[in-house]
Amino acid sequence: MENFEYYNPTKIIFGKRTIEKIGEELKLNGFKKVLFLYGKNSIFNNGVYETVTNSLKNNNIDSVEVGGIKPNPVLSKVYEVIEICKKEKIDAVLAVGGGSVIDSAKAIAAGASYDGDIWDAFEGKVSLNTSLPIFTVLTLSATGSEMNAFAVITKENEKKKWAFTAGVSSFPKVSIIDPSIQSSLPIEQTTHGAVDAMSHIFELYFDGTDNTDIVDEYSEGLLRTIIKHTRILLNDHKNYESRAQLVWAATLALNGSNGTGRKWGDWATHNIEHSISAYYDIAHGAGLAIMFPAWMKYVYKIKPEKFARLAEKVFAITEGTVEQKALSGIEAVKNFYKEINEPTSLADINITEKDIPELVENAALQAPLGRLKKLVKNDIESIFKIALIK
């Protein structure tokens, strides 16, 4: 078990009819003028927009609205909104949406407090530690961005989908999570989110750290919970109790608690998938459903006993040798993704062998990737080829 310091300053307000509290929270923190950032139409259709605007009005909070944040958010939009924040002298950023909106808010909040190019922070040219304060109303559970300090943005012209943080300042001050509003989501958004949350757990679980029983048990419990309640929601998408379990599990999957005592994750698979969703219009969770079993199959021999433990603890696979259980566990992950109608091969999203070299080149820009096994270009290519197999 590794030494660690753990600090998470985000206040969570969870449950039904909690969104109406956002104006009060902004007022209590002394903010009078906010950027109200959102995506496209969903918050108008599910009543969230009206609830938020009424709460702001009732608490005398002025807002500047900016919509149009799209999935796999882009740098050009971040640049545009940074300038709006500076011009309008914004006090804080309110992100109402899923991970794409919240990630954009983090980049915008940091960029509005920085005189240079915010992309400098993504490329590691500068280390930022100041941002405008961030508040969130979560409408789609997947990334855990509502309770962590990280963001992923795509630089469109260079097809670079990269991550950054401005340290503690990138943690939202307050995040409001009302699971009930997610009952209107298309089922594929729920399943994409479940895969994303599971992938965050896998990244931490398989980073090669030894003697991590406490967080391993925690991880396995989260995985079992996600699997159980995603299955329920497939057939009963308005089931509040299952939705609440899934939503909170997705937050806990990447709020830092699950990484304590570890080496803070492998993250190779996320970096590889970022190359796919930088080039193709595919949900991040769908890409992870394809790439994680492929990565597992490529690296499992480094720590077969850990993969066997996953099989035993999460999928109740007890028969066979350590290697047999490890492989059965990997297959169980893939089969669960098939069960919930996620793609499990590159062929499912019309990527063929001829497309792989460009994706490999893009992913290798940040190589070596990972911690369990340091992946270089040839390794990345091999994983893509495994992912071609149905």
Protein backbone atom coordinates (compact mmCIF):
# COMPACT_ATOMS: atom_id res chain seq x y z
CA MET A 1 0.00 0.00 0.00
CA GLU A 2 1.36 3.40 -1.03
CA ASN A 3 1.59 6.50 1.17
CA PHE A 4 -1.12 9.00 0.31
CA GLU A 5 -2.72 12.33 1.05
CA TYR A 6 -6.43 12.52 0.35
CA TYR A 7 -8.41 15.74 0.11
CA ASN A 8 -11.71 16.30 -1.64
CA PRO A 9 -13.36 19.66 -0.97
CA THR A 10 -16.51 19.16 -3.08
CA LYS A 11 -19.79 19.47 -1.21
CA ILE A 12 -22.37 17.00 -2.52
CA ILE A 13 -26.11 17.63 -2.29
CA PHE A 14 -27.83 14.40 -3.31
CA GLY A 15 -31.43 13.38 -3.83
CA LYS A 16 -34.83 14.33 -5.20
CA ARG A 17 -35.72 18.01 -5.64
CA THR A 18 -32.24 19.21 -4.73
CA ILE A 19 -31.55 21.20 -7.90
CA GLU A 20 -33.62 24.11 -6.60
CA LYS A 21 -30.90 24.65 -3.97
CA ILE A 22 -28.26 25.81 -6.46
CA GLY A 23 -29.09 29.51 -6.20
CA GLU A 24 -28.92 29.39 -2.42
CA GLU A 25 -25.51 27.69 -2.56
CA LEU A 26 -24.15 30.36 -4.89
CA LYS A 27 -25.56 33.09 -2.67
CA LEU A 28 -24.10 31.52 0.49
CA ASN A 29 -20.70 31.54 -1.18
CA GLY A 30 -21.02 35.22 -2.05
CA PHE A 31 -21.35 34.99 -5.84
CA LYS A 32 -23.57 37.40 -7.73
CA LYS A 33 -22.84 36.79 -11.42
CA VAL A 34 -22.27 33.35 -12.90
CA LEU A 35 -21.64 31.75 -16.23
CA PHE A 36 -24.48 29.27 -16.77
CA LEU A 37 -23.01 26.60 -19.04
CA TYR A 38 -24.99 23.75 -20.55
CA GLY A 39 -25.20 21.38 -23.52
CA LYS A 40 -28.08 21.24 -25.95
CA ASN A 41 -31.76 20.41 -25.47
CA SER A 42 -32.02 17.93 -22.62
CA ILE A 43 -32.17 20.44 -19.75
CA PHE A 44 -35.08 22.17 -21.47
CA ASN A 45 -36.95 18.90 -21.92
CA ASN A 46 -36.55 17.53 -18.38
CA GLY A 47 -37.36 20.73 -16.48
CA VAL A 48 -33.83 21.33 -15.19
CA TYR A 49 -33.38 24.62 -17.04
CA GLU A 50 -36.51 26.10 -15.49
CA THR A 51 -35.58 24.88 -12.01
CA VAL A 52 -32.07 26.34 -12.25
CA THR A 53 -33.13 29.71 -13.67
CA ASN A 54 -35.87 30.10 -11.05
CA SER A 55 -33.39 29.28 -8.28
CA LEU A 56 -30.91 31.83 -9.60
CA LYS A 57 -33.62 34.47 -9.90
CA ASN A 58 -35.00 33.80 -6.42
CA ASN A 59 -31.53 34.32 -4.95
CA ASN A 60 -30.70 37.43 -7.00
CA ILE A 61 -27.95 35.72 -8.98
CA ASP A 62 -27.28 37.21 -12.41
CA SER A 63 -26.25 34.76 -15.12
CA VAL A 64 -24.72 34.76 -18.57
CA GLU A 65 -25.98 31.70 -20.44
CA VAL A 66 -23.87 29.74 -22.90
CA GLY A 67 -25.17 26.52 -24.43
CA GLY A 68 -23.97 24.22 -27.16
CA ILE A 69 -21.35 22.19 -25.31
CA LYS A 70 -21.21 18.91 -27.21
CA PRO A 71 -20.08 15.41 -26.22
CA ASN A 72 -16.29 15.08 -26.46
CA PRO A 73 -16.02 18.84 -25.84
CA VAL A 74 -13.71 20.94 -27.98
CA LEU A 75 -11.06 23.54 -27.32
CA SER A 76 -12.49 26.13 -29.72
CA LYS A 77 -15.63 26.40 -27.58
CA VAL A 78 -13.51 26.65 -24.43
CA TYR A 79 -11.59 29.56 -25.96
CA GLU A 80 -14.84 31.29 -26.94
CA VAL A 81 -16.32 31.06 -23.45
CA ILE A 82 -13.11 32.08 -21.68
CA GLU A 83 -13.36 35.41 -23.48
CA ILE A 84 -17.01 35.77 -22.44
CA CYS A 85 -16.04 35.18 -18.79
CA LYS A 86 -13.35 37.85 -18.94
CA LYS A 87 -15.56 40.36 -20.72
CA GLU A 88 -18.55 39.81 -18.42
CA LYS A 89 -16.46 39.73 -15.22
CA ILE A 90 -17.93 36.41 -14.14
CA ASP A 91 -17.68 35.43 -10.44
CA ALA A 92 -18.17 31.66 -10.81
CA VAL A 93 -19.00 28.99 -13.36
CA LEU A 94 -22.18 26.92 -13.07
CA ALA A 95 -22.08 23.76 -15.19
CA VAL A 96 -25.44 22.08 -15.75
CA GLY A 97 -25.00 18.81 -17.61
CA GLY A 98 -22.84 15.72 -17.75
CA GLY A 99 -19.11 15.25 -17.90
CA SER A 100 -18.62 17.15 -21.15
CA VAL A 101 -20.21 20.29 -19.72
CA ILE A 102 -18.40 19.98 -16.40
CA ASP A 103 -15.03 19.31 -18.06
CA SER A 104 -15.55 22.35 -20.28
CA ALA A 105 -16.39 24.39 -17.19
CA LYS A 106 -13.12 23.38 -15.55
CA ALA A 107 -11.07 24.39 -18.58
CA ILE A 108 -13.01 27.64 -18.92
CA ALA A 109 -12.71 28.45 -15.21
CA ALA A 110 -8.94 27.92 -15.30
CA GLY A 111 -8.53 29.75 -18.59
CA ALA A 112 -10.45 32.76 -17.32
CA SER A 113 -7.90 33.03 -14.49
CA TYR A 114 -4.85 32.64 -16.74
CA ASP A 115 -3.36 35.17 -19.12
CA GLY A 116 -1.87 32.59 -21.48
CA ASP A 117 -3.24 29.78 -23.64
CA ILE A 118 -5.15 27.23 -21.53
CA TRP A 119 -3.86 24.46 -23.83
CA ASP A 120 -0.44 25.08 -22.25
CA ALA A 121 -1.77 23.27 -19.18
CA PHE A 122 -2.86 20.26 -21.25
CA GLU A 123 0.60 20.00 -22.81
CA GLY A 124 2.33 20.33 -19.43
CA LYS A 125 4.01 23.61 -20.32
CA VAL A 126 2.52 25.29 -17.27
CA SER A 127 1.10 24.10 -13.96
CA LEU A 128 -2.05 26.00 -13.01
CA ASN A 129 -3.56 26.22 -9.54
CA THR A 130 -6.19 28.94 -9.80
CA SER A 131 -9.65 28.90 -11.38
CA LEU A 132 -12.95 30.63 -11.09
CA PRO A 133 -15.07 28.70 -8.56
CA ILE A 134 -17.05 25.86 -10.15
CA PHE A 135 -20.55 24.66 -9.25
CA THR A 136 -22.34 21.79 -10.96
CA VAL A 137 -25.78 20.32 -11.44
CA LEU A 138 -25.24 16.80 -12.74
CA THR A 139 -27.64 15.49 -15.38
CA LEU A 140 -25.71 12.44 -16.65
CA SER A 141 -23.56 10.15 -14.50
CA ALA A 142 -20.43 8.74 -16.12
CA THR A 143 -17.18 10.65 -15.73
CA GLY A 144 -17.19 11.47 -12.02
CA SER A 145 -16.18 15.01 -12.99
CA GLU A 146 -18.70 16.39 -10.49
CA MET A 147 -16.38 15.36 -7.64
CA ASN A 148 -12.87 15.38 -9.07
CA ALA A 149 -10.34 17.88 -10.38
CA PHE A 150 -9.78 16.55 -13.90
CA ALA A 151 -11.03 17.50 -17.35
CA VAL A 152 -10.61 16.15 -20.87
CA ILE A 153 -10.88 18.42 -23.92
CA THR A 154 -10.22 17.82 -27.63
CA LYS A 155 -8.04 20.15 -29.69
CA GLU A 156 -9.92 19.59 -32.92
CA ASN A 157 -7.36 20.58 -35.55
CA GLU A 158 -4.69 18.29 -34.07
CA LYS A 159 -7.05 15.48 -32.95
CA LYS A 160 -5.58 15.64 -29.45
CA LYS A 161 -8.02 14.58 -26.74
CA TRP A 162 -6.01 15.30 -23.62
CA ALA A 163 -6.52 15.81 -19.89
CA PHE A 164 -5.54 18.56 -17.47
CA THR A 165 -6.10 19.79 -13.94
CA ALA A 166 -5.64 23.10 -12.18
CA GLY A 167 -5.18 21.28 -8.90
CA VAL A 168 -7.52 21.85 -6.00
CA SER A 169 -9.09 24.82 -7.80
CA SER A 170 -10.57 22.41 -10.38
CA PHE A 171 -12.70 20.62 -7.79
CA PRO A 172 -16.30 21.86 -7.92
CA LYS A 173 -17.19 23.71 -4.74
CA VAL A 174 -20.71 22.26 -4.78
CA SER A 175 -22.25 19.53 -6.93
CA ILE A 176 -25.96 18.80 -6.90
CA ILE A 177 -26.99 15.29 -7.91
CA ASP A 178 -30.68 14.48 -8.36
CA PRO A 179 -30.87 10.93 -9.73
CA SER A 180 -34.54 11.30 -10.66
CA ILE A 181 -33.83 13.62 -13.59
CA GLN A 182 -31.76 10.90 -15.27
CA SER A 183 -34.79 8.65 -15.71
CA SER A 184 -35.58 10.46 -18.96
CA LEU A 185 -32.20 9.64 -20.51
CA PRO A 186 -32.03 7.31 -23.52
CA ILE A 187 -30.95 3.90 -22.21
CA GLU A 188 -27.73 4.00 -24.23
CA GLN A 189 -26.59 7.06 -22.29
CA THR A 190 -27.15 5.16 -19.06
CA THR A 191 -25.16 2.16 -20.31
CA HIS A 192 -22.35 4.31 -21.73
CA GLY A 193 -22.12 5.97 -18.32
CA ALA A 194 -22.04 2.63 -16.53
CA VAL A 195 -19.15 1.45 -18.72
CA ASP A 196 -17.27 4.69 -18.12
CA ALA A 197 -17.67 4.34 -14.36
CA MET A 198 -16.55 0.69 -14.44
CA SER A 199 -13.53 1.71 -16.51
CA HIS A 200 -12.47 4.26 -13.91
CA ILE A 201 -12.54 1.50 -11.32
CA PHE A 202 -10.54 -0.84 -13.58
CA GLU A 203 -7.89 1.84 -14.18
CA LEU A 204 -7.28 2.06 -10.44
CA TYR A 205 -7.78 -1.62 -9.63
CA PHE A 206 -5.23 -2.77 -12.20
CA ASP A 207 -2.41 -0.25 -11.66
CA GLY A 208 -0.07 -2.87 -10.18
CA THR A 209 -0.06 -1.72 -6.56
CA ASP A 210 0.28 -4.56 -4.05
CA ASN A 211 -1.47 -4.96 -0.67
CA THR A 212 -4.55 -2.88 -1.44
CA ASP A 213 -7.25 -5.04 0.17
CA ILE A 214 -9.33 -2.16 1.50
CA VAL A 215 -9.69 -0.33 -1.82
CA ASP A 216 -9.93 -3.61 -3.74
CA GLU A 217 -12.99 -4.58 -1.68
CA TYR A 218 -14.36 -1.07 -2.21
CA SER A 219 -13.76 -1.33 -5.97
CA GLU A 220 -15.35 -4.76 -6.22
CA GLY A 221 -18.42 -3.57 -4.33
CA LEU A 222 -18.80 -0.62 -6.68
CA LEU A 223 -18.47 -2.90 -9.72
CA ARG A 224 -21.09 -5.33 -8.43
CA THR A 225 -23.41 -2.42 -7.68
CA ILE A 226 -23.01 -0.90 -11.15
CA ILE A 227 -23.60 -4.24 -12.86
CA LYS A 228 -26.65 -5.09 -10.74
CA HIS A 229 -28.42 -1.77 -11.12
CA THR A 230 -27.58 -1.25 -14.79
CA ARG A 231 -29.32 -4.56 -15.44
CA ILE A 232 -32.37 -3.39 -13.50
CA LEU A 233 -32.48 -0.06 -15.34
CA LEU A 234 -32.37 -1.79 -18.72
CA ASN A 235 -35.91 -3.00 -18.06
CA ASP A 236 -37.11 -0.39 -15.57
CA HIS A 237 -35.41 2.88 -16.43
CA LYS A 238 -37.59 4.91 -14.04
CA ASN A 239 -36.59 2.84 -11.00
CA TYR A 240 -35.39 5.59 -8.66
CA GLU A 241 -33.63 3.36 -6.15
CA SER A 242 -31.54 1.63 -8.81
CA ARG A 243 -30.83 4.94 -10.51
CA ALA A 244 -29.64 6.41 -7.22
CA GLN A 245 -27.32 3.45 -6.60
CA LEU A 246 -25.80 3.69 -10.09
CA VAL A 247 -25.44 7.47 -9.96
CA TRP A 248 -23.63 7.49 -6.61
CA ALA A 249 -21.42 4.57 -7.62
CA ALA A 250 -20.32 6.51 -10.71
CA THR A 251 -19.36 9.47 -8.52
CA LEU A 252 -17.44 7.31 -6.03
CA ALA A 253 -15.63 5.53 -8.87
CA LEU A 254 -13.48 8.60 -9.54
CA ASN A 255 -13.66 10.98 -6.59
CA GLY A 256 -10.20 9.95 -5.36
CA SER A 257 -11.29 7.70 -2.50
CA ASN A 258 -10.95 4.62 -4.68
CA GLY A 259 -7.35 5.58 -5.52
CA THR A 260 -6.02 5.93 -1.99
CA GLY A 261 -3.06 3.68 -1.26
CA ARG A 262 -2.60 2.98 -4.94
CA LYS A 263 -0.31 4.46 -7.58
CA TRP A 264 -3.33 6.50 -8.78
CA GLY A 265 -4.18 4.33 -11.73
CA ASP A 266 -2.96 2.92 -15.01
CA TRP A 267 -4.94 5.11 -17.49
CA ALA A 268 -3.47 3.55 -20.65
CA THR A 269 -6.88 2.41 -21.86
CA HIS A 270 -8.41 5.84 -21.40
CA ASN A 271 -5.58 7.42 -23.36
CA ILE A 272 -5.96 4.86 -26.15
CA GLU A 273 -9.72 5.37 -26.29
CA HIS A 274 -9.27 9.13 -26.47
CA SER A 275 -7.71 8.60 -29.88
CA ILE A 276 -10.85 6.82 -31.07
CA SER A 277 -13.31 9.47 -29.87
CA ALA A 278 -11.02 12.24 -31.17
CA TYR A 279 -11.44 10.85 -34.70
CA TYR A 280 -14.89 9.27 -34.57
CA ASP A 281 -18.24 10.45 -33.28
CA ILE A 282 -18.52 7.82 -30.57
CA ALA A 283 -19.42 8.04 -26.90
CA HIS A 284 -16.41 7.67 -24.61
CA GLY A 285 -18.11 4.83 -22.73
CA ALA A 286 -18.75 2.93 -25.95
CA GLY A 287 -15.09 3.22 -26.90
CA LEU A 288 -14.04 1.97 -23.48
CA ALA A 289 -16.36 -1.04 -23.81
CA ILE A 290 -14.29 -2.03 -26.84
CA MET A 291 -10.81 -1.19 -25.61
CA PHE A 292 -10.81 -2.32 -21.97
CA PRO A 293 -11.30 -6.05 -22.60
CA ALA A 294 -8.65 -5.81 -25.32
CA TRP A 295 -6.17 -4.15 -22.94
CA MET A 296 -6.97 -6.73 -20.25
CA LYS A 297 -6.29 -9.60 -22.63
CA TYR A 298 -2.95 -8.03 -23.61
CA VAL A 299 -1.61 -7.40 -20.09
CA TYR A 300 -3.26 -9.93 -17.75
CA LYS A 301 -0.20 -12.21 -17.54
CA ILE A 302 1.69 -9.49 -15.65
CA LYS A 303 -0.65 -9.95 -12.64
CA PRO A 304 -2.92 -12.92 -13.43
CA GLU A 305 -3.89 -13.28 -9.78
CA LYS A 306 -5.46 -9.80 -9.77
CA PHE A 307 -7.52 -10.58 -12.86
CA ALA A 308 -8.53 -13.88 -11.24
CA ARG A 309 -9.60 -11.95 -8.14
CA LEU A 310 -11.85 -9.75 -10.29
CA ALA A 311 -13.43 -12.89 -11.74
CA GLU A 312 -14.05 -14.36 -8.29
CA LYS A 313 -15.20 -11.26 -6.42
CA VAL A 314 -17.29 -9.57 -9.12
CA PHE A 315 -18.49 -12.40 -11.35
CA ALA A 316 -18.44 -15.34 -8.87
CA ILE A 317 -16.12 -17.38 -11.10
CA THR A 318 -14.38 -19.95 -8.90
CA GLU A 319 -13.53 -22.85 -11.20
CA GLY A 320 -10.17 -23.33 -12.91
CA THR A 321 -6.56 -22.28 -12.54
CA VAL A 322 -5.53 -18.71 -11.83
CA GLU A 323 -5.01 -18.10 -15.55
CA GLN A 324 -8.30 -19.72 -16.50
CA LYS A 325 -10.18 -17.60 -13.98
CA ALA A 326 -8.39 -14.48 -15.18
CA LEU A 327 -9.42 -15.14 -18.79
CA SER A 328 -12.96 -16.05 -17.75
CA GLY A 329 -13.22 -12.78 -15.85
CA ILE A 330 -12.11 -10.78 -18.89
CA GLU A 331 -14.70 -12.62 -20.98
CA ALA A 332 -17.34 -11.88 -18.32
CA VAL A 333 -16.62 -8.16 -18.60
CA LYS A 334 -17.00 -8.34 -22.37
CA ASN A 335 -20.19 -10.40 -22.11
CA PHE A 336 -21.73 -7.90 -19.70
CA TYR A 337 -21.05 -5.13 -22.18
CA LYS A 338 -22.72 -7.20 -24.90
CA GLU A 339 -25.67 -7.82 -22.58
CA ILE A 340 -26.25 -4.08 -22.17
CA ASN A 341 -25.88 -3.52 -25.94
CA GLU A 342 -22.51 -1.82 -25.89
CA PRO A 343 -20.05 -2.34 -28.77
CA THR A 344 -17.28 -4.81 -27.96
CA SER A 345 -15.15 -4.72 -31.10
CA LEU A 346 -13.88 -2.02 -33.44
CA ALA A 347 -15.89 -3.70 -36.18
CA ASP A 348 -19.05 -2.78 -34.25
CA ILE A 349 -18.28 0.90 -34.87
CA ASN A 350 -17.04 0.39 -38.45
CA ILE A 351 -13.34 0.75 -37.72
CA THR A 352 -11.24 -1.64 -39.80
CA GLU A 353 -7.60 -2.70 -39.86
CA LYS A 354 -6.73 0.02 -42.36
CA ASP A 355 -7.82 2.68 -39.84
CA ILE A 356 -5.56 1.44 -37.07
CA PRO A 357 -2.19 3.02 -38.04
CA GLU A 358 -3.58 6.56 -37.71
CA LEU A 359 -5.15 5.75 -34.33
CA VAL A 360 -1.91 4.16 -33.11
CA GLU A 361 0.11 7.21 -34.13
CA ASN A 362 -2.29 9.48 -32.28
CA ALA A 363 -2.34 7.39 -29.10
CA ALA A 364 1.44 7.05 -29.14
CA LEU A 365 1.89 10.83 -28.94
CA GLN A 366 1.77 10.49 -25.16
CA ALA A 367 3.60 7.15 -24.91
CA PRO A 368 4.70 5.38 -22.84
CA LEU A 369 1.20 4.81 -21.50
CA GLY A 370 0.13 3.06 -18.33
CA ARG A 371 1.64 1.70 -15.13
CA LEU A 372 0.88 -2.02 -14.99
CA LYS A 373 2.73 -2.30 -18.29
CA LYS A 374 4.39 0.67 -19.94
CA LEU A 375 2.91 0.65 -23.42
CA VAL A 376 4.90 1.85 -26.41
CA LYS A 377 3.77 2.11 -30.01
CA ASN A 378 3.99 -1.62 -30.80
CA ASP A 379 1.98 -2.48 -27.69
CA ILE A 380 -0.72 0.01 -28.60
CA GLU A 381 -0.95 -1.46 -32.09
CA SER A 382 -1.32 -4.97 -30.65
CA ILE A 383 -4.17 -3.85 -28.39
CA PHE A 384 -5.99 -2.25 -31.31
CA LYS A 385 -5.66 -5.51 -33.25
CA ILE A 386 -7.13 -7.49 -30.35
CA ALA A 387 -10.00 -5.00 -30.32
CA LEU A 388 -10.83 -5.90 -33.93
CA ILE A 389 -11.90 -9.38 -32.81
CA LYS A 390 -15.63 -9.81 -32.14
